[in-house]
Amino acid sequence: MNLEKILAISGKPGLYALKVQTRSGFVAESLLDGKKITVGLRSNVSLLSEISMYTHSEEKPLADVMRNIAVKEDNGPAISHKEDNDKLVAYFKEILPDYDEDRVYASDIKKVLNWYNMLQAKGLVSKEAPEPKTSEAVAEE
């Protein structure tokens, strides 16, 4: 699962795929409706590959959390992010048993499940672990 070019843009619904970088920002395509938007440098943008979830021992990358959901659901959709908070917390405990309940809120869980379901609908999630980069693959990039 490659989250390198998937963005969450503050104030905009859904997720976006980074298409092209411009002088004044970049162009992103909505995963919801396919519309392209321009995003200025002042916008608050998060790359999903840079987001982590708090656990009691470390910070777990979002890609690992989504991989855990994909394994549990056999690459199928997760429960709806609109379920009640108790159900969402119980579900999340199955996926990430040692998550830090004091720093991961129900709203965070809703966001992760919503994002997972969006990515799953587009075929962008996988329960396969990513291939470790070899020195040859790094040299090609």
C-alpha atoms as a PDB file:
ATOM      1  CA  MET A   1       0.000   0.000   0.000  1.00  0.00           C
ATOM      2  CA  ASN A   2       1.569   3.238  -1.127  1.00  0.00           C
ATOM      3  CA  LEU A   3       0.326   6.370   0.621  1.00  0.00           C
ATOM      4  CA  GLU A   4       3.178   8.530  -0.706  1.00  0.00           C
ATOM      5  CA  LYS A   5       0.987  10.656  -2.986  1.00  0.00           C
ATOM      6  CA  ILE A   6      -2.300  10.561  -1.065  1.00  0.00           C
ATOM      7  CA  LEU A   7      -3.206  13.819   0.689  1.00  0.00           C
ATOM      8  CA  ALA A   8      -5.654  15.057   3.288  1.00  0.00           C
ATOM      9  CA  ILE A   9      -6.349  18.760   2.791  1.00  0.00           C
ATOM     10  CA  SER A  10      -7.673  20.704   5.754  1.00  0.00           C
ATOM     11  CA  GLY A  11     -11.122  22.143   5.056  1.00  0.00           C
ATOM     12  CA  LYS A  12     -11.744  19.853   2.076  1.00  0.00           C
ATOM     13  CA  PRO A  13     -13.712  16.594   2.305  1.00  0.00           C
ATOM     14  CA  GLY A  14     -12.159  13.285   1.340  1.00  0.00           C
ATOM     15  CA  LEU A  15      -8.708  12.399   0.135  1.00  0.00           C
ATOM     16  CA  TYR A  16      -6.730  13.623  -2.847  1.00  0.00           C
ATOM     17  CA  ALA A  17      -4.066  12.170  -5.100  1.00  0.00           C
ATOM     18  CA  LEU A  18      -1.114  14.465  -5.771  1.00  0.00           C
ATOM     19  CA  LYS A  19      -0.894  14.946  -9.530  1.00  0.00           C
ATOM     20  CA  VAL A  20       1.589  17.696 -10.329  1.00  0.00           C
ATOM     21  CA  GLN A  21       3.611  20.271  -8.442  1.00  0.00           C
ATOM     22  CA  THR A  22       3.457  23.892  -9.580  1.00  0.00           C
ATOM     23  CA  ARG A  23       5.325  27.064  -8.646  1.00  0.00           C
ATOM     24  CA  SER A  24       2.536  28.242  -6.361  1.00  0.00           C
ATOM     25  CA  GLY A  25       1.451  24.871  -4.934  1.00  0.00           C
ATOM     26  CA  PHE A  26       0.188  21.746  -6.649  1.00  0.00           C
ATOM     27  CA  VAL A  27      -2.704  20.087  -8.456  1.00  0.00           C
ATOM     28  CA  ALA A  28      -4.580  17.324  -6.672  1.00  0.00           C
ATOM     29  CA  GLU A  29      -7.364  15.005  -7.841  1.00  0.00           C
ATOM     30  CA  SER A  30     -10.219  14.086  -5.516  1.00  0.00           C
ATOM     31  CA  LEU A  31     -10.591  10.361  -4.845  1.00  0.00           C
ATOM     32  CA  LEU A  32     -14.313  10.960  -4.274  1.00  0.00           C
ATOM     33  CA  ASP A  33     -15.360  12.535  -7.565  1.00  0.00           C
ATOM     34  CA  GLY A  34     -12.190  12.785  -9.685  1.00  0.00           C
ATOM     35  CA  LYS A  35     -12.278  16.586  -9.856  1.00  0.00           C
ATOM     36  CA  LYS A  36      -8.933  18.345  -9.985  1.00  0.00           C
ATOM     37  CA  ILE A  37      -8.207  21.280  -7.702  1.00  0.00           C
ATOM     38  CA  THR A  38      -5.262  23.599  -7.272  1.00  0.00           C
ATOM     39  CA  VAL A  39      -3.897  23.875  -3.763  1.00  0.00           C
ATOM     40  CA  GLY A  40      -1.817  26.843  -2.665  1.00  0.00           C
ATOM     41  CA  LEU A  41       1.243  26.658  -0.462  1.00  0.00           C
ATOM     42  CA  ARG A  42      -0.672  28.189   2.447  1.00  0.00           C
ATOM     43  CA  SER A  43      -3.137  25.284   2.673  1.00  0.00           C
ATOM     44  CA  ASN A  44      -2.734  22.836   5.517  1.00  0.00           C
ATOM     45  CA  VAL A  45      -1.959  19.558   3.738  1.00  0.00           C
ATOM     46  CA  SER A  46      -0.971  16.196   5.236  1.00  0.00           C
ATOM     47  CA  LEU A  47       0.576  13.311   3.351  1.00  0.00           C
ATOM     48  CA  LEU A  48      -0.964  10.080   4.611  1.00  0.00           C
ATOM     49  CA  SER A  49       2.493   8.486   4.537  1.00  0.00           C
ATOM     50  CA  GLU A  50       3.601  11.001   7.216  1.00  0.00           C
ATOM     51  CA  ILE A  51       0.707  10.337   9.630  1.00  0.00           C
ATOM     52  CA  SER A  52       1.127   8.000  12.612  1.00  0.00           C
ATOM     53  CA  MET A  53      -1.115   6.715  15.394  1.00  0.00           C
ATOM     54  CA  TYR A  54      -0.048   6.810  19.016  1.00  0.00           C
ATOM     55  CA  THR A  55       0.468   3.490  20.788  1.00  0.00           C
ATOM     56  CA  HIS A  56       1.786   2.860  24.287  1.00  0.00           C
ATOM     57  CA  SER A  57       5.205   1.856  22.958  1.00  0.00           C
ATOM     58  CA  GLU A  58       5.731   3.856  19.733  1.00  0.00           C
ATOM     59  CA  GLU A  59       4.043   5.746  16.931  1.00  0.00           C
ATOM     60  CA  LYS A  60       2.584   3.362  14.347  1.00  0.00           C
ATOM     61  CA  PRO A  61       2.569   4.592  10.714  1.00  0.00           C
ATOM     62  CA  LEU A  62      -0.897   4.961   9.196  1.00  0.00           C
ATOM     63  CA  ALA A  63       0.056   2.527   6.405  1.00  0.00           C
ATOM     64  CA  ASP A  64       0.615  -0.193   9.047  1.00  0.00           C
ATOM     65  CA  VAL A  65      -2.741   0.566  10.690  1.00  0.00           C
ATOM     66  CA  MET A  66      -4.499   0.377   7.318  1.00  0.00           C
ATOM     67  CA  ARG A  67      -2.672  -2.851   6.501  1.00  0.00           C
ATOM     68  CA  ASN A  68      -4.000  -4.288   9.799  1.00  0.00           C
ATOM     69  CA  ILE A  69      -7.541  -3.323   8.751  1.00  0.00           C
ATOM     70  CA  ALA A  70      -6.997  -4.896   5.312  1.00  0.00           C
ATOM     71  CA  VAL A  71      -5.796  -8.133   6.942  1.00  0.00           C
ATOM     72  CA  LYS A  72      -8.790  -8.211   9.310  1.00  0.00           C
ATOM     73  CA  GLU A  73     -11.259  -7.480   6.489  1.00  0.00           C
ATOM     74  CA  ASP A  74      -9.428  -9.569   3.832  1.00  0.00           C
ATOM     75  CA  ASN A  75      -9.008  -6.410   1.701  1.00  0.00           C
ATOM     76  CA  GLY A  76     -12.730  -5.672   2.053  1.00  0.00           C
ATOM     77  CA  PRO A  77     -14.406  -2.568   3.489  1.00  0.00           C
ATOM     78  CA  ALA A  78     -14.174  -1.773   7.207  1.00  0.00           C
ATOM     79  CA  ILE A  79     -17.132  -0.863   9.390  1.00  0.00           C
ATOM     80  CA  SER A  80     -18.666   2.526   8.687  1.00  0.00           C
ATOM     81  CA  HIS A  81     -17.120   5.546  10.365  1.00  0.00           C
ATOM     82  CA  LYS A  82     -20.696   6.566  11.248  1.00  0.00           C
ATOM     83  CA  GLU A  83     -21.139   3.779  13.821  1.00  0.00           C
ATOM     84  CA  ASP A  84     -21.420   4.796  17.473  1.00  0.00           C
ATOM     85  CA  ASN A  85     -18.189   5.571  19.313  1.00  0.00           C
ATOM     86  CA  ASP A  86     -18.226   2.454  21.531  1.00  0.00           C
ATOM     87  CA  LYS A  87     -18.424   0.170  18.492  1.00  0.00           C
ATOM     88  CA  LEU A  88     -15.644   2.097  16.728  1.00  0.00           C
ATOM     89  CA  VAL A  89     -13.349   1.926  19.763  1.00  0.00           C
ATOM     90  CA  ALA A  90     -13.956  -1.832  20.152  1.00  0.00           C
ATOM     91  CA  TYR A  91     -13.220  -2.357  16.443  1.00  0.00           C
ATOM     92  CA  PHE A  92     -10.063  -0.261  16.623  1.00  0.00           C
ATOM     93  CA  LYS A  93      -8.858  -2.242  19.663  1.00  0.00           C
ATOM     94  CA  GLU A  94      -8.938  -5.376  17.473  1.00  0.00           C
ATOM     95  CA  ILE A  95      -6.833  -3.656  14.798  1.00  0.00           C
ATOM     96  CA  LEU A  96      -4.362  -1.836  17.026  1.00  0.00           C
ATOM     97  CA  PRO A  97      -4.624  -3.387  20.510  1.00  0.00           C
ATOM     98  CA  ASP A  98      -1.991  -1.191  22.146  1.00  0.00           C
ATOM     99  CA  TYR A  99      -3.197   2.188  20.829  1.00  0.00           C
ATOM    100  CA  ASP A 100      -3.052   5.027  23.369  1.00  0.00           C
ATOM    101  CA  GLU A 101      -6.663   5.722  24.400  1.00  0.00           C
ATOM    102  CA  ASP A 102      -5.620   9.048  25.965  1.00  0.00           C
ATOM    103  CA  ARG A 103      -4.157  10.460  22.740  1.00  0.00           C
ATOM    104  CA  VAL A 104      -6.222   8.732  20.017  1.00  0.00           C
ATOM    105  CA  TYR A 105      -9.773  10.064  20.060  1.00  0.00           C
ATOM    106  CA  ALA A 106     -12.963   8.660  18.558  1.00  0.00           C
ATOM    107  CA  SER A 107     -12.753  11.394  15.896  1.00  0.00           C
ATOM    108  CA  ASP A 108      -9.302  10.076  14.884  1.00  0.00           C
ATOM    109  CA  ILE A 109     -10.675   6.536  14.614  1.00  0.00           C
ATOM    110  CA  LYS A 110     -13.580   7.787  12.468  1.00  0.00           C
ATOM    111  CA  LYS A 111     -11.159   9.587  10.168  1.00  0.00           C
ATOM    112  CA  VAL A 112      -8.911   6.523   9.753  1.00  0.00           C
ATOM    113  CA  LEU A 113     -11.870   4.229   8.990  1.00  0.00           C
ATOM    114  CA  ASN A 114     -13.354   6.765   6.566  1.00  0.00           C
ATOM    115  CA  TRP A 115      -9.994   7.107   4.789  1.00  0.00           C
ATOM    116  CA  TYR A 116      -9.518   3.325   4.702  1.00  0.00           C
ATOM    117  CA  ASN A 117     -12.948   2.810   3.132  1.00  0.00           C
ATOM    118  CA  MET A 118     -12.247   5.523   0.508  1.00  0.00           C
ATOM    119  CA  LEU A 119      -8.899   3.962  -0.392  1.00  0.00           C
ATOM    120  CA  GLN A 120     -10.378   0.448  -0.367  1.00  0.00           C
ATOM    121  CA  ALA A 121     -13.151   1.516  -2.774  1.00  0.00           C
ATOM    122  CA  LYS A 122     -10.441   2.734  -5.184  1.00  0.00           C
ATOM    123  CA  GLY A 123      -8.409  -0.477  -4.812  1.00  0.00           C
ATOM    124  CA  LEU A 124      -5.540   1.320  -3.091  1.00  0.00           C
ATOM    125  CA  VAL A 125      -5.306  -0.840   0.046  1.00  0.00           C
ATOM    126  CA  SER A 126      -3.496  -4.110   0.417  1.00  0.00           C
ATOM    127  CA  LYS A 127      -2.776  -6.537   3.198  1.00  0.00           C
ATOM    128  CA  GLU A 128       0.589  -7.272   1.614  1.00  0.00           C
ATOM    129  CA  ALA A 129       3.646  -5.806   3.294  1.00  0.00           C
ATOM    130  CA  PRO A 130       5.532  -3.396   1.049  1.00  0.00           C
ATOM    131  CA  GLU A 131       8.607  -4.699  -0.716  1.00  0.00           C
ATOM    132  CA  PRO A 132      11.720  -3.456   1.040  1.00  0.00           C
ATOM    133  CA  LYS A 133      13.641  -1.102  -1.215  1.00  0.00           C
ATOM    134  CA  THR A 134      16.840  -2.564  -2.525  1.00  0.00           C
ATOM    135  CA  SER A 135      19.838  -0.375  -3.283  1.00  0.00           C
ATOM    136  CA  GLU A 136      19.122  -0.900  -7.012  1.00  0.00           C
ATOM    137  CA  ALA A 137      15.520   0.326  -6.653  1.00  0.00           C
ATOM    138  CA  VAL A 138      16.675   3.383  -4.728  1.00  0.00           C
ATOM    139  CA  ALA A 139      19.300   4.125  -7.417  1.00  0.00           C
ATOM    140  CA  GLU A 140      16.590   3.994 -10.129  1.00  0.00           C
ATOM    141  CA  GLU A 141      14.514   6.637  -8.326  1.00  0.00           C
END
